[in-house]
Amino acid sequence: MNHEFTEQYYLLTKERLLAQQELINELGAPVIPIVDAIVVLPLIGEIDTFLEAKGIEYYSRQMY
């Protein structure tokens, strides 16, 4: 029984952390649509390796 609780707690915590990370990513670099296929991405500060690696994939999804 303790194992089930621990596993469920782990899965819930992991899901919550992933949702929080997604929200942080969205708030940290907003995409501003101009027209259908053109968006503006404000770049302030450094572009870290995470943003560089995930940026194109993430912003492509935001456009459509």
PDB file of N, CA and C in Angstrom:
ATOM      1  N   MET A   1       0.816  -1.192   0.000  1.00  0.00           N
ATOM      2  CA  MET A   1       0.000   0.000   0.000  1.00  0.00           C
ATOM      3  C   MET A   1       0.868   1.267   0.000  1.00  0.00           C
ATOM      4  N   ASN A   2       1.923   1.265   0.765  1.00  0.00           N
ATOM      5  CA  ASN A   2       2.827   2.410   0.828  1.00  0.00           C
ATOM      6  C   ASN A   2       3.491   2.650  -0.527  1.00  0.00           C
ATOM      7  N   HIS A   3       3.800   1.564  -1.229  1.00  0.00           N
ATOM      8  CA  HIS A   3       4.419   1.673  -2.552  1.00  0.00           C
ATOM      9  C   HIS A   3       3.471   2.362  -3.539  1.00  0.00           C
ATOM     10  N   GLU A   4       2.178   2.013  -3.488  1.00  0.00           N
ATOM     11  CA  GLU A   4       1.188   2.638  -4.375  1.00  0.00           C
ATOM     12  C   GLU A   4       1.093   4.138  -4.117  1.00  0.00           C
ATOM     13  N   PHE A   5       1.038   4.521  -2.847  1.00  0.00           N
ATOM     14  CA  PHE A   5       0.965   5.926  -2.493  1.00  0.00           C
ATOM     15  C   PHE A   5       2.192   6.671  -3.011  1.00  0.00           C
ATOM     16  N   THR A   6       3.367   6.094  -2.794  1.00  0.00           N
ATOM     17  CA  THR A   6       4.613   6.728  -3.223  1.00  0.00           C
ATOM     18  C   THR A   6       4.638   6.901  -4.731  1.00  0.00           C
ATOM     19  N   GLU A   7       4.213   5.873  -5.453  1.00  0.00           N
ATOM     20  CA  GLU A   7       4.199   5.949  -6.916  1.00  0.00           C
ATOM     21  C   GLU A   7       3.212   7.004  -7.410  1.00  0.00           C
ATOM     22  N   GLN A   8       2.011   7.035  -6.839  1.00  0.00           N
ATOM     23  CA  GLN A   8       1.008   8.027  -7.233  1.00  0.00           C
ATOM     24  C   GLN A   8       1.474   9.442  -6.902  1.00  0.00           C
ATOM     25  N   TYR A   9       2.087   9.600  -5.744  1.00  0.00           N
ATOM     26  CA  TYR A   9       2.605  10.908  -5.339  1.00  0.00           C
ATOM     27  C   TYR A   9       3.692  11.373  -6.305  1.00  0.00           C
ATOM     28  N   TYR A  10       4.578  10.468  -6.683  1.00  0.00           N
ATOM     29  CA  TYR A  10       5.649  10.785  -7.630  1.00  0.00           C
ATOM     30  C   TYR A  10       5.071  11.222  -8.975  1.00  0.00           C
ATOM     31  N   LEU A  11       4.103  10.469  -9.490  1.00  0.00           N
ATOM     32  CA  LEU A  11       3.514  10.797 -10.794  1.00  0.00           C
ATOM     33  C   LEU A  11       2.790  12.135 -10.756  1.00  0.00           C
ATOM     34  N   LEU A  12       2.058  12.392  -9.675  1.00  0.00           N
ATOM     35  CA  LEU A  12       1.359  13.672  -9.542  1.00  0.00           C
ATOM     36  C   LEU A  12       2.341  14.832  -9.453  1.00  0.00           C
ATOM     37  N   THR A  13       3.393  14.659  -8.681  1.00  0.00           N
ATOM     38  CA  THR A  13       4.403  15.705  -8.533  1.00  0.00           C
ATOM     39  C   THR A  13       5.118  15.963  -9.843  1.00  0.00           C
ATOM     40  N   LYS A  14       5.454  14.915 -10.562  1.00  0.00           N
ATOM     41  CA  LYS A  14       6.124  15.061 -11.854  1.00  0.00           C
ATOM     42  C   LYS A  14       5.231  15.800 -12.848  1.00  0.00           C
ATOM     43  N   GLU A  15       3.955  15.435 -12.889  1.00  0.00           N
ATOM     44  CA  GLU A  15       3.014  16.097 -13.789  1.00  0.00           C
ATOM     45  C   GLU A  15       2.872  17.578 -13.439  1.00  0.00           C
ATOM     46  N   ARG A  16       2.800  17.880 -12.165  1.00  0.00           N
ATOM     47  CA  ARG A  16       2.668  19.268 -11.711  1.00  0.00           C
ATOM     48  C   ARG A  16       3.911  20.081 -12.070  1.00  0.00           C
ATOM     49  N   LEU A  17       5.090  19.497 -11.880  1.00  0.00           N
ATOM     50  CA  LEU A  17       6.327  20.201 -12.219  1.00  0.00           C
ATOM     51  C   LEU A  17       6.446  20.466 -13.715  1.00  0.00           C
ATOM     52  N   LEU A  18       6.039  19.508 -14.529  1.00  0.00           N
ATOM     53  CA  LEU A  18       6.073  19.712 -15.980  1.00  0.00           C
ATOM     54  C   LEU A  18       5.115  20.826 -16.402  1.00  0.00           C
ATOM     55  N   ALA A  19       3.938  20.873 -15.789  1.00  0.00           N
ATOM     56  CA  ALA A  19       2.981  21.932 -16.105  1.00  0.00           C
ATOM     57  C   ALA A  19       3.525  23.297 -15.686  1.00  0.00           C
ATOM     58  N   GLN A  20       4.178  23.348 -14.538  1.00  0.00           N
ATOM     59  CA  GLN A  20       4.767  24.606 -14.075  1.00  0.00           C
ATOM     60  C   GLN A  20       5.895  25.053 -14.999  1.00  0.00           C
ATOM     61  N   GLN A  21       6.717  24.107 -15.458  1.00  0.00           N
ATOM     62  CA  GLN A  21       7.808  24.450 -16.361  1.00  0.00           C
ATOM     63  C   GLN A  21       7.274  24.977 -17.685  1.00  0.00           C
ATOM     64  N   GLU A  22       6.204  24.388 -18.178  1.00  0.00           N
ATOM     65  CA  GLU A  22       5.564  24.853 -19.414  1.00  0.00           C
ATOM     66  C   GLU A  22       5.059  26.287 -19.247  1.00  0.00           C
ATOM     67  N   LEU A  23       4.431  26.562 -18.107  1.00  0.00           N
ATOM     68  CA  LEU A  23       3.928  27.905 -17.838  1.00  0.00           C
ATOM     69  C   LEU A  23       5.074  28.911 -17.735  1.00  0.00           C
ATOM     70  N   ILE A  24       6.145  28.533 -17.079  1.00  0.00           N
ATOM     71  CA  ILE A  24       7.316  29.411 -16.977  1.00  0.00           C
ATOM     72  C   ILE A  24       7.870  29.714 -18.363  1.00  0.00           C
ATOM     73  N   ASN A  25       7.948  28.703 -19.208  1.00  0.00           N
ATOM     74  CA  ASN A  25       8.448  28.901 -20.573  1.00  0.00           C
ATOM     75  C   ASN A  25       7.554  29.860 -21.352  1.00  0.00           C
ATOM     76  N   GLU A  26       6.241  29.706 -21.214  1.00  0.00           N
ATOM     77  CA  GLU A  26       5.316  30.591 -21.927  1.00  0.00           C
ATOM     78  C   GLU A  26       5.420  32.029 -21.436  1.00  0.00           C
ATOM     79  N   LEU A  27       5.504  32.208 -20.138  1.00  0.00           N
ATOM     80  CA  LEU A  27       5.578  33.553 -19.583  1.00  0.00           C
ATOM     81  C   LEU A  27       6.941  34.190 -19.814  1.00  0.00           C
ATOM     82  N   GLY A  28       7.968  33.368 -19.891  1.00  0.00           N
ATOM     83  CA  GLY A  28       9.322  33.879 -20.045  1.00  0.00           C
ATOM     84  C   GLY A  28       9.622  34.409 -21.435  1.00  0.00           C
ATOM     85  N   ALA A  29       8.944  33.901 -22.434  1.00  0.00           N
ATOM     86  CA  ALA A  29       9.181  34.336 -23.809  1.00  0.00           C
ATOM     87  C   ALA A  29       7.862  34.319 -24.566  1.00  0.00           C
ATOM     88  N   PRO A  30       7.066  35.367 -24.424  1.00  0.00           N
ATOM     89  CA  PRO A  30       5.762  35.384 -25.087  1.00  0.00           C
ATOM     90  C   PRO A  30       5.890  35.520 -26.603  1.00  0.00           C
ATOM     91  N   VAL A  31       4.964  34.899 -27.295  1.00  0.00           N
ATOM     92  CA  VAL A  31       4.889  34.998 -28.751  1.00  0.00           C
ATOM     93  C   VAL A  31       3.752  35.956 -29.073  1.00  0.00           C
ATOM     94  N   ILE A  32       4.050  36.986 -29.851  1.00  0.00           N
ATOM     95  CA  ILE A  32       3.046  37.989 -30.203  1.00  0.00           C
ATOM     96  C   ILE A  32       2.709  37.825 -31.679  1.00  0.00           C
ATOM     97  N   PRO A  33       1.512  37.311 -31.996  1.00  0.00           N
ATOM     98  CA  PRO A  33       1.141  37.134 -33.400  1.00  0.00           C
ATOM     99  C   PRO A  33       0.884  38.477 -34.074  1.00  0.00           C
ATOM    100  N   ILE A  34       1.411  38.619 -35.289  1.00  0.00           N
ATOM    101  CA  ILE A  34       1.204  39.828 -36.086  1.00  0.00           C
ATOM    102  C   ILE A  34       0.163  39.539 -37.168  1.00  0.00           C
ATOM    103  N   VAL A  35       0.426  38.550 -38.002  1.00  0.00           N
ATOM    104  CA  VAL A  35      -0.526  38.023 -38.988  1.00  0.00           C
ATOM    105  C   VAL A  35      -0.413  36.512 -38.940  1.00  0.00           C
ATOM    106  N   ASP A  36      -1.113  35.814 -39.827  1.00  0.00           N
ATOM    107  CA  ASP A  36      -1.181  34.350 -39.755  1.00  0.00           C
ATOM    108  C   ASP A  36       0.160  33.644 -39.590  1.00  0.00           C
ATOM    109  N   ALA A  37       1.143  33.959 -40.392  1.00  0.00           N
ATOM    110  CA  ALA A  37       2.401  33.222 -40.356  1.00  0.00           C
ATOM    111  C   ALA A  37       3.565  34.037 -39.795  1.00  0.00           C
ATOM    112  N   ILE A  38       3.276  35.178 -39.180  1.00  0.00           N
ATOM    113  CA  ILE A  38       4.358  36.028 -38.663  1.00  0.00           C
ATOM    114  C   ILE A  38       4.095  36.331 -37.189  1.00  0.00           C
ATOM    115  N   VAL A  39       5.116  36.072 -36.386  1.00  0.00           N
ATOM    116  CA  VAL A  39       5.037  36.386 -34.965  1.00  0.00           C
ATOM    117  C   VAL A  39       6.271  37.168 -34.558  1.00  0.00           C
ATOM    118  N   VAL A  40       6.135  37.886 -33.462  1.00  0.00           N
ATOM    119  CA  VAL A  40       7.258  38.627 -32.905  1.00  0.00           C
ATOM    120  C   VAL A  40       7.623  37.968 -31.587  1.00  0.00           C
ATOM    121  N   LEU A  41       8.895  37.742 -31.405  1.00  0.00           N
ATOM    122  CA  LEU A  41       9.393  37.146 -30.176  1.00  0.00           C
ATOM    123  C   LEU A  41      10.351  38.134 -29.537  1.00  0.00           C
ATOM    124  N   PRO A  42       9.953  38.758 -28.433  1.00  0.00           N
ATOM    125  CA  PRO A  42      10.862  39.704 -27.796  1.00  0.00           C
ATOM    126  C   PRO A  42      12.064  38.974 -27.201  1.00  0.00           C
ATOM    127  N   LEU A  43      13.246  39.406 -27.569  1.00  0.00           N
ATOM    128  CA  LEU A  43      14.473  38.794 -27.054  1.00  0.00           C
ATOM    129  C   LEU A  43      15.154  39.780 -26.113  1.00  0.00           C
ATOM    130  N   ILE A  44      15.109  39.457 -24.851  1.00  0.00           N
ATOM    131  CA  ILE A  44      15.728  40.294 -23.839  1.00  0.00           C
ATOM    132  C   ILE A  44      16.680  39.408 -23.047  1.00  0.00           C
ATOM    133  N   GLY A  45      17.904  39.834 -22.905  1.00  0.00           N
ATOM    134  CA  GLY A  45      18.871  39.035 -22.152  1.00  0.00           C
ATOM    135  C   GLY A  45      19.507  37.965 -23.014  1.00  0.00           C
ATOM    136  N   GLU A  46      20.013  36.957 -22.339  1.00  0.00           N
ATOM    137  CA  GLU A  46      20.726  35.883 -23.029  1.00  0.00           C
ATOM    138  C   GLU A  46      19.769  34.803 -23.511  1.00  0.00           C
ATOM    139  N   ILE A  47      20.126  34.180 -24.614  1.00  0.00           N
ATOM    140  CA  ILE A  47      19.380  33.027 -25.093  1.00  0.00           C
ATOM    141  C   ILE A  47      20.131  31.800 -24.601  1.00  0.00           C
ATOM    142  N   ASP A  48      19.545  31.097 -23.634  1.00  0.00           N
ATOM    143  CA  ASP A  48      20.235  29.936 -23.084  1.00  0.00           C
ATOM    144  C   ASP A  48      20.085  28.733 -24.011  1.00  0.00           C
ATOM    145  N   THR A  49      20.778  27.656 -23.693  1.00  0.00           N
ATOM    146  CA  THR A  49      20.763  26.480 -24.568  1.00  0.00           C
ATOM    147  C   THR A  49      19.391  25.824 -24.614  1.00  0.00           C
ATOM    148  N   PHE A  50      18.623  25.898 -23.521  1.00  0.00           N
ATOM    149  CA  PHE A  50      17.276  25.323 -23.537  1.00  0.00           C
ATOM    150  C   PHE A  50      16.395  26.068 -24.526  1.00  0.00           C
ATOM    151  N   LEU A  51      16.410  27.388 -24.455  1.00  0.00           N
ATOM    152  CA  LEU A  51      15.597  28.187 -25.361  1.00  0.00           C
ATOM    153  C   LEU A  51      16.033  27.971 -26.800  1.00  0.00           C
ATOM    154  N   GLU A  52      17.322  27.897 -27.007  1.00  0.00           N
ATOM    155  CA  GLU A  52      17.837  27.679 -28.353  1.00  0.00           C
ATOM    156  C   GLU A  52      17.402  26.331 -28.900  1.00  0.00           C
ATOM    157  N   ALA A  53      17.484  25.290 -28.066  1.00  0.00           N
ATOM    158  CA  ALA A  53      17.151  23.941 -28.511  1.00  0.00           C
ATOM    159  C   ALA A  53      15.655  23.754 -28.712  1.00  0.00           C
ATOM    160  N   LYS A  54      14.851  24.302 -27.824  1.00  0.00           N
ATOM    161  CA  LYS A  54      13.407  24.091 -27.881  1.00  0.00           C
ATOM    162  C   LYS A  54      12.650  25.218 -28.563  1.00  0.00           C
ATOM    163  N   GLY A  55      13.310  26.322 -28.828  1.00  0.00           N
ATOM    164  CA  GLY A  55      12.649  27.503 -29.345  1.00  0.00           C
ATOM    165  C   GLY A  55      11.877  27.300 -30.621  1.00  0.00           C
ATOM    166  N   ILE A  56      12.512  26.756 -31.626  1.00  0.00           N
ATOM    167  CA  ILE A  56      11.850  26.604 -32.927  1.00  0.00           C
ATOM    168  C   ILE A  56      10.630  25.695 -32.803  1.00  0.00           C
ATOM    169  N   GLU A  57      10.791  24.581 -32.118  1.00  0.00           N
ATOM    170  CA  GLU A  57       9.673  23.648 -31.948  1.00  0.00           C
ATOM    171  C   GLU A  57       8.537  24.302 -31.170  1.00  0.00           C
ATOM    172  N   TYR A  58       8.859  24.957 -30.078  1.00  0.00           N
ATOM    173  CA  TYR A  58       7.855  25.573 -29.217  1.00  0.00           C
ATOM    174  C   TYR A  58       7.113  26.701 -29.937  1.00  0.00           C
ATOM    175  N   TYR A  59       7.846  27.567 -30.601  1.00  0.00           N
ATOM    176  CA  TYR A  59       7.223  28.716 -31.250  1.00  0.00           C
ATOM    177  C   TYR A  59       6.480  28.333 -32.496  1.00  0.00           C
ATOM    178  N   SER A  60       6.881  27.247 -33.146  1.00  0.00           N
ATOM    179  CA  SER A  60       6.124  26.762 -34.299  1.00  0.00           C
ATOM    180  C   SER A  60       4.742  26.306 -33.854  1.00  0.00           C
ATOM    181  N   ARG A  61       4.675  25.622 -32.711  1.00  0.00           N
ATOM    182  CA  ARG A  61       3.378  25.188 -32.179  1.00  0.00           C
ATOM    183  C   ARG A  61       2.514  26.380 -31.800  1.00  0.00           C
ATOM    184  N   GLN A  62       3.122  27.450 -31.293  1.00  0.00           N
ATOM    185  CA  GLN A  62       2.367  28.623 -30.870  1.00  0.00           C
ATOM    186  C   GLN A  62       1.733  29.351 -32.048  1.00  0.00           C
ATOM    187  N   MET A  63       2.349  29.256 -33.222  1.00  0.00           N
ATOM    188  CA  MET A  63       1.840  29.968 -34.389  1.00  0.00           C
ATOM    189  C   MET A  63       0.553  29.343 -34.903  1.00  0.00           C
ATOM    190  N   TYR A  64       0.387  28.061 -34.741  1.00  0.00           N
ATOM    191  CA  TYR A  64      -0.767  27.381 -35.343  1.00  0.00           C
ATOM    192  C   TYR A  64      -1.694  26.870 -34.325  1.00  0.00           C
TER     193      TYR A  64
END
